[in-house]
Amino acid sequence: MSALGVEEARQLVERMKLFAQPQRLMILDALLEQGSLAVGELESCTGIGQPTLSQQLGALRRAEIVVPRRESRTIHYSLASEEESLRVRALIGLLRGDRAALPALRAVSERYAASRRTTAQREAEGGAQFAFIRTPDAPRS
């Protein structure tokens, strides 16, 4: 792993701030354990009142950690991707000291290391290189 630069450190600190809030951790844990939940279900299982819940979901949504899905008049929230699920599982497990989280930590670490390879390293390995273009309505992977 390469040295942490100032800009990357700032980005990581901003990301950690998102998780350094009790209600957000409770929301993420509920979504991790139960999958997609309606706002009312989140309110019931976390005990977080609706105004605070909406505020915290908004912060998680803006950070693209959770995504909303509307069904008629009900909005359901879920973790934005498998990557986010892995990160949440690893983080909560690490903070709890839960050894069962070690596979998630390894997976996050491996994905992070793979994403940090340079273009030159990828080109040296050979094979085709592809770009992914995300449109506003495309689901996140």
C-alpha atoms as a PDB file:
ATOM      1  CA  MET A   1       0.000   0.000   0.000  1.00  0.00           C
ATOM      2  CA  SER A   2       1.323   3.448  -0.858  1.00  0.00           C
ATOM      3  CA  ALA A   3       1.681   6.367   1.519  1.00  0.00           C
ATOM      4  CA  LEU A   4      -1.450   8.310   2.328  1.00  0.00           C
ATOM      5  CA  GLY A   5      -1.513  11.730   0.674  1.00  0.00           C
ATOM      6  CA  VAL A   6      -3.068  14.850   2.180  1.00  0.00           C
ATOM      7  CA  GLU A   7      -6.069  14.920  -0.172  1.00  0.00           C
ATOM      8  CA  GLU A   8      -6.831  11.240   0.298  1.00  0.00           C
ATOM      9  CA  ALA A   9      -6.508  11.664   4.081  1.00  0.00           C
ATOM     10  CA  ARG A  10      -9.042  14.520   3.946  1.00  0.00           C
ATOM     11  CA  GLN A  11     -11.460  12.388   1.934  1.00  0.00           C
ATOM     12  CA  LEU A  12     -11.128   9.518   4.412  1.00  0.00           C
ATOM     13  CA  VAL A  13     -11.735  11.858   7.348  1.00  0.00           C
ATOM     14  CA  GLU A  14     -14.908  13.154   5.701  1.00  0.00           C
ATOM     15  CA  ARG A  15     -16.026   9.556   5.146  1.00  0.00           C
ATOM     16  CA  MET A  16     -15.297   8.656   8.786  1.00  0.00           C
ATOM     17  CA  LYS A  17     -17.374  11.635   9.933  1.00  0.00           C
ATOM     18  CA  LEU A  18     -20.376  10.040   8.227  1.00  0.00           C
ATOM     19  CA  PHE A  19     -19.962   6.935  10.367  1.00  0.00           C
ATOM     20  CA  ALA A  20     -19.108   8.827  13.567  1.00  0.00           C
ATOM     21  CA  GLN A  21     -22.746   9.492  14.413  1.00  0.00           C
ATOM     22  CA  PRO A  22     -24.765   6.994  16.511  1.00  0.00           C
ATOM     23  CA  GLN A  23     -28.032   7.228  14.566  1.00  0.00           C
ATOM     24  CA  ARG A  24     -26.257   6.718  11.234  1.00  0.00           C
ATOM     25  CA  LEU A  25     -24.508   3.609  12.528  1.00  0.00           C
ATOM     26  CA  MET A  26     -27.846   2.286  13.800  1.00  0.00           C
ATOM     27  CA  ILE A  27     -29.459   2.914  10.399  1.00  0.00           C
ATOM     28  CA  LEU A  28     -26.602   1.241   8.535  1.00  0.00           C
ATOM     29  CA  ASP A  29     -26.610  -1.735  10.890  1.00  0.00           C
ATOM     30  CA  ALA A  30     -30.374  -2.179  10.419  1.00  0.00           C
ATOM     31  CA  LEU A  31     -30.048  -2.019   6.620  1.00  0.00           C
ATOM     32  CA  LEU A  32     -27.118  -4.418   6.712  1.00  0.00           C
ATOM     33  CA  GLU A  33     -28.999  -6.951   8.826  1.00  0.00           C
ATOM     34  CA  GLN A  34     -32.479  -6.636   7.334  1.00  0.00           C
ATOM     35  CA  GLY A  35     -31.917  -5.393   3.788  1.00  0.00           C
ATOM     36  CA  SER A  36     -34.187  -2.815   2.211  1.00  0.00           C
ATOM     37  CA  LEU A  37     -36.492  -1.119   4.727  1.00  0.00           C
ATOM     38  CA  ALA A  38     -39.264   1.450   4.483  1.00  0.00           C
ATOM     39  CA  VAL A  39     -38.764   4.625   6.476  1.00  0.00           C
ATOM     40  CA  GLY A  40     -41.459   3.562   8.963  1.00  0.00           C
ATOM     41  CA  GLU A  41     -39.732   0.183   9.438  1.00  0.00           C
ATOM     42  CA  LEU A  42     -36.411   1.932  10.030  1.00  0.00           C
ATOM     43  CA  GLU A  43     -38.090   4.175  12.579  1.00  0.00           C
ATOM     44  CA  SER A  44     -39.530   1.148  14.405  1.00  0.00           C
ATOM     45  CA  CYS A  45     -36.400  -0.983  14.453  1.00  0.00           C
ATOM     46  CA  THR A  46     -33.971   1.821  15.384  1.00  0.00           C
ATOM     47  CA  GLY A  47     -36.174   3.923  17.652  1.00  0.00           C
ATOM     48  CA  ILE A  48     -35.007   7.058  15.846  1.00  0.00           C
ATOM     49  CA  GLY A  49     -37.758   9.659  15.461  1.00  0.00           C
ATOM     50  CA  GLN A  50     -38.900  10.610  11.967  1.00  0.00           C
ATOM     51  CA  PRO A  51     -37.321  14.108  11.748  1.00  0.00           C
ATOM     52  CA  THR A  52     -33.899  12.861  12.898  1.00  0.00           C
ATOM     53  CA  LEU A  53     -34.216   9.729  10.760  1.00  0.00           C
ATOM     54  CA  SER A  54     -34.924  11.823   7.653  1.00  0.00           C
ATOM     55  CA  GLN A  55     -31.966  14.083   8.387  1.00  0.00           C
ATOM     56  CA  GLN A  56     -29.573  11.150   8.855  1.00  0.00           C
ATOM     57  CA  LEU A  57     -30.872   9.293   5.797  1.00  0.00           C
ATOM     58  CA  GLY A  58     -30.339  12.479   3.788  1.00  0.00           C
ATOM     59  CA  ALA A  59     -26.689  12.650   4.843  1.00  0.00           C
ATOM     60  CA  LEU A  60     -26.162   8.965   3.969  1.00  0.00           C
ATOM     61  CA  ARG A  61     -27.973   9.421   0.648  1.00  0.00           C
ATOM     62  CA  ARG A  62     -25.870  12.468  -0.330  1.00  0.00           C
ATOM     63  CA  ALA A  63     -22.732  10.452   0.447  1.00  0.00           C
ATOM     64  CA  GLU A  64     -24.118   7.672  -1.801  1.00  0.00           C
ATOM     65  CA  ILE A  65     -23.958   5.106   0.997  1.00  0.00           C
ATOM     66  CA  VAL A  66     -27.701   4.411   0.863  1.00  0.00           C
ATOM     67  CA  VAL A  67     -30.175   4.671  -1.997  1.00  0.00           C
ATOM     68  CA  PRO A  68     -33.918   5.334  -1.888  1.00  0.00           C
ATOM     69  CA  ARG A  69     -36.510   3.425  -3.900  1.00  0.00           C
ATOM     70  CA  ARG A  70     -40.087   4.605  -4.118  1.00  0.00           C
ATOM     71  CA  GLU A  71     -42.967   2.126  -4.058  1.00  0.00           C
ATOM     72  CA  SER A  72     -46.221   4.003  -4.388  1.00  0.00           C
ATOM     73  CA  ARG A  73     -46.204   6.398  -1.407  1.00  0.00           C
ATOM     74  CA  THR A  74     -43.542   4.512   0.536  1.00  0.00           C
ATOM     75  CA  ILE A  75     -39.791   5.097   0.297  1.00  0.00           C
ATOM     76  CA  HIS A  76     -37.517   2.146   0.960  1.00  0.00           C
ATOM     77  CA  TYR A  77     -33.814   2.525   1.702  1.00  0.00           C
ATOM     78  CA  SER A  78     -31.016   0.062   1.144  1.00  0.00           C
ATOM     79  CA  LEU A  79     -27.247   0.115   1.057  1.00  0.00           C
ATOM     80  CA  ALA A  80     -26.098   1.523  -2.276  1.00  0.00           C
ATOM     81  CA  SER A  81     -23.927  -1.401  -3.344  1.00  0.00           C
ATOM     82  CA  GLU A  82     -22.235  -4.614  -2.314  1.00  0.00           C
ATOM     83  CA  GLU A  83     -19.102  -2.508  -1.822  1.00  0.00           C
ATOM     84  CA  GLU A  84     -20.911  -0.314   0.720  1.00  0.00           C
ATOM     85  CA  SER A  85     -22.319  -3.398   2.447  1.00  0.00           C
ATOM     86  CA  LEU A  86     -18.801  -4.791   2.786  1.00  0.00           C
ATOM     87  CA  ARG A  87     -17.493  -1.499   4.164  1.00  0.00           C
ATOM     88  CA  VAL A  88     -20.308  -1.183   6.702  1.00  0.00           C
ATOM     89  CA  ARG A  89     -19.952  -4.818   7.788  1.00  0.00           C
ATOM     90  CA  ALA A  90     -16.173  -4.425   8.125  1.00  0.00           C
ATOM     91  CA  LEU A  91     -16.386  -1.126  10.006  1.00  0.00           C
ATOM     92  CA  ILE A  92     -19.047  -2.181  12.497  1.00  0.00           C
ATOM     93  CA  GLY A  93     -17.316  -5.526  13.027  1.00  0.00           C
ATOM     94  CA  LEU A  94     -13.956  -3.840  13.533  1.00  0.00           C
ATOM     95  CA  LEU A  95     -15.402  -1.381  16.045  1.00  0.00           C
ATOM     96  CA  ARG A  96     -17.140  -4.204  17.913  1.00  0.00           C
ATOM     97  CA  GLY A  97     -13.970  -6.309  17.889  1.00  0.00           C
ATOM     98  CA  ASP A  98     -15.920  -9.069  16.141  1.00  0.00           C
ATOM     99  CA  ARG A  99     -13.609 -11.658  14.568  1.00  0.00           C
ATOM    100  CA  ALA A 100     -16.452 -12.695  12.243  1.00  0.00           C
ATOM    101  CA  ALA A 101     -15.870  -9.391  10.428  1.00  0.00           C
ATOM    102  CA  LEU A 102     -12.360 -10.424   9.345  1.00  0.00           C
ATOM    103  CA  PRO A 103     -13.486 -11.795   5.947  1.00  0.00           C
ATOM    104  CA  ALA A 104     -15.234  -8.498   5.199  1.00  0.00           C
ATOM    105  CA  LEU A 105     -12.117  -6.576   6.240  1.00  0.00           C
ATOM    106  CA  ARG A 106      -9.993  -8.724   3.937  1.00  0.00           C
ATOM    107  CA  ALA A 107     -12.425  -8.228   1.041  1.00  0.00           C
ATOM    108  CA  VAL A 108     -12.469  -4.443   1.496  1.00  0.00           C
ATOM    109  CA  SER A 109      -8.676  -4.399   1.751  1.00  0.00           C
ATOM    110  CA  GLU A 110      -8.269  -6.474  -1.411  1.00  0.00           C
ATOM    111  CA  ARG A 111     -10.717  -4.316  -3.372  1.00  0.00           C
ATOM    112  CA  TYR A 112      -9.020  -1.156  -2.147  1.00  0.00           C
ATOM    113  CA  ALA A 113      -5.583  -2.454  -3.131  1.00  0.00           C
ATOM    114  CA  ALA A 114      -6.855  -3.514  -6.557  1.00  0.00           C
ATOM    115  CA  SER A 115      -8.422  -0.106  -7.198  1.00  0.00           C
ATOM    116  CA  ARG A 116      -5.172   1.665  -6.332  1.00  0.00           C
ATOM    117  CA  ARG A 117      -3.143  -0.062  -9.030  1.00  0.00           C
ATOM    118  CA  THR A 118      -1.767   2.425 -11.498  1.00  0.00           C
ATOM    119  CA  THR A 119      -2.638   2.493 -15.176  1.00  0.00           C
ATOM    120  CA  ALA A 120       0.924   1.410 -15.954  1.00  0.00           C
ATOM    121  CA  GLN A 121       0.528  -1.631 -13.678  1.00  0.00           C
ATOM    122  CA  ARG A 122      -2.739  -2.596 -15.367  1.00  0.00           C
ATOM    123  CA  GLU A 123      -1.229  -2.119 -18.831  1.00  0.00           C
ATOM    124  CA  ALA A 124       1.793  -4.224 -17.875  1.00  0.00           C
ATOM    125  CA  GLU A 125      -0.576  -7.052 -16.935  1.00  0.00           C
ATOM    126  CA  GLY A 126      -2.042  -6.920 -20.442  1.00  0.00           C
ATOM    127  CA  GLY A 127      -5.639  -7.347 -21.460  1.00  0.00           C
ATOM    128  CA  ALA A 128      -8.279  -4.905 -22.455  1.00  0.00           C
ATOM    129  CA  GLN A 129      -9.045  -1.793 -20.452  1.00  0.00           C
ATOM    130  CA  PHE A 130     -12.629  -0.596 -20.210  1.00  0.00           C
ATOM    131  CA  ALA A 131     -14.222   2.620 -19.041  1.00  0.00           C
ATOM    132  CA  PHE A 132     -17.472   2.693 -17.131  1.00  0.00           C
ATOM    133  CA  ILE A 133     -19.736   5.639 -17.795  1.00  0.00           C
ATOM    134  CA  ARG A 134     -22.432   6.175 -15.219  1.00  0.00           C
ATOM    135  CA  THR A 135     -25.646   7.855 -16.233  1.00  0.00           C
ATOM    136  CA  PRO A 136     -27.813   9.519 -13.581  1.00  0.00           C
ATOM    137  CA  ASP A 137     -30.438   6.760 -13.795  1.00  0.00           C
ATOM    138  CA  ALA A 138     -27.994   3.822 -13.906  1.00  0.00           C
ATOM    139  CA  PRO A 139     -27.892   1.657 -10.765  1.00  0.00           C
ATOM    140  CA  ARG A 140     -24.644   1.751  -8.823  1.00  0.00           C
ATOM    141  CA  SER A 141     -22.648  -1.439  -8.762  1.00  0.00           C
END
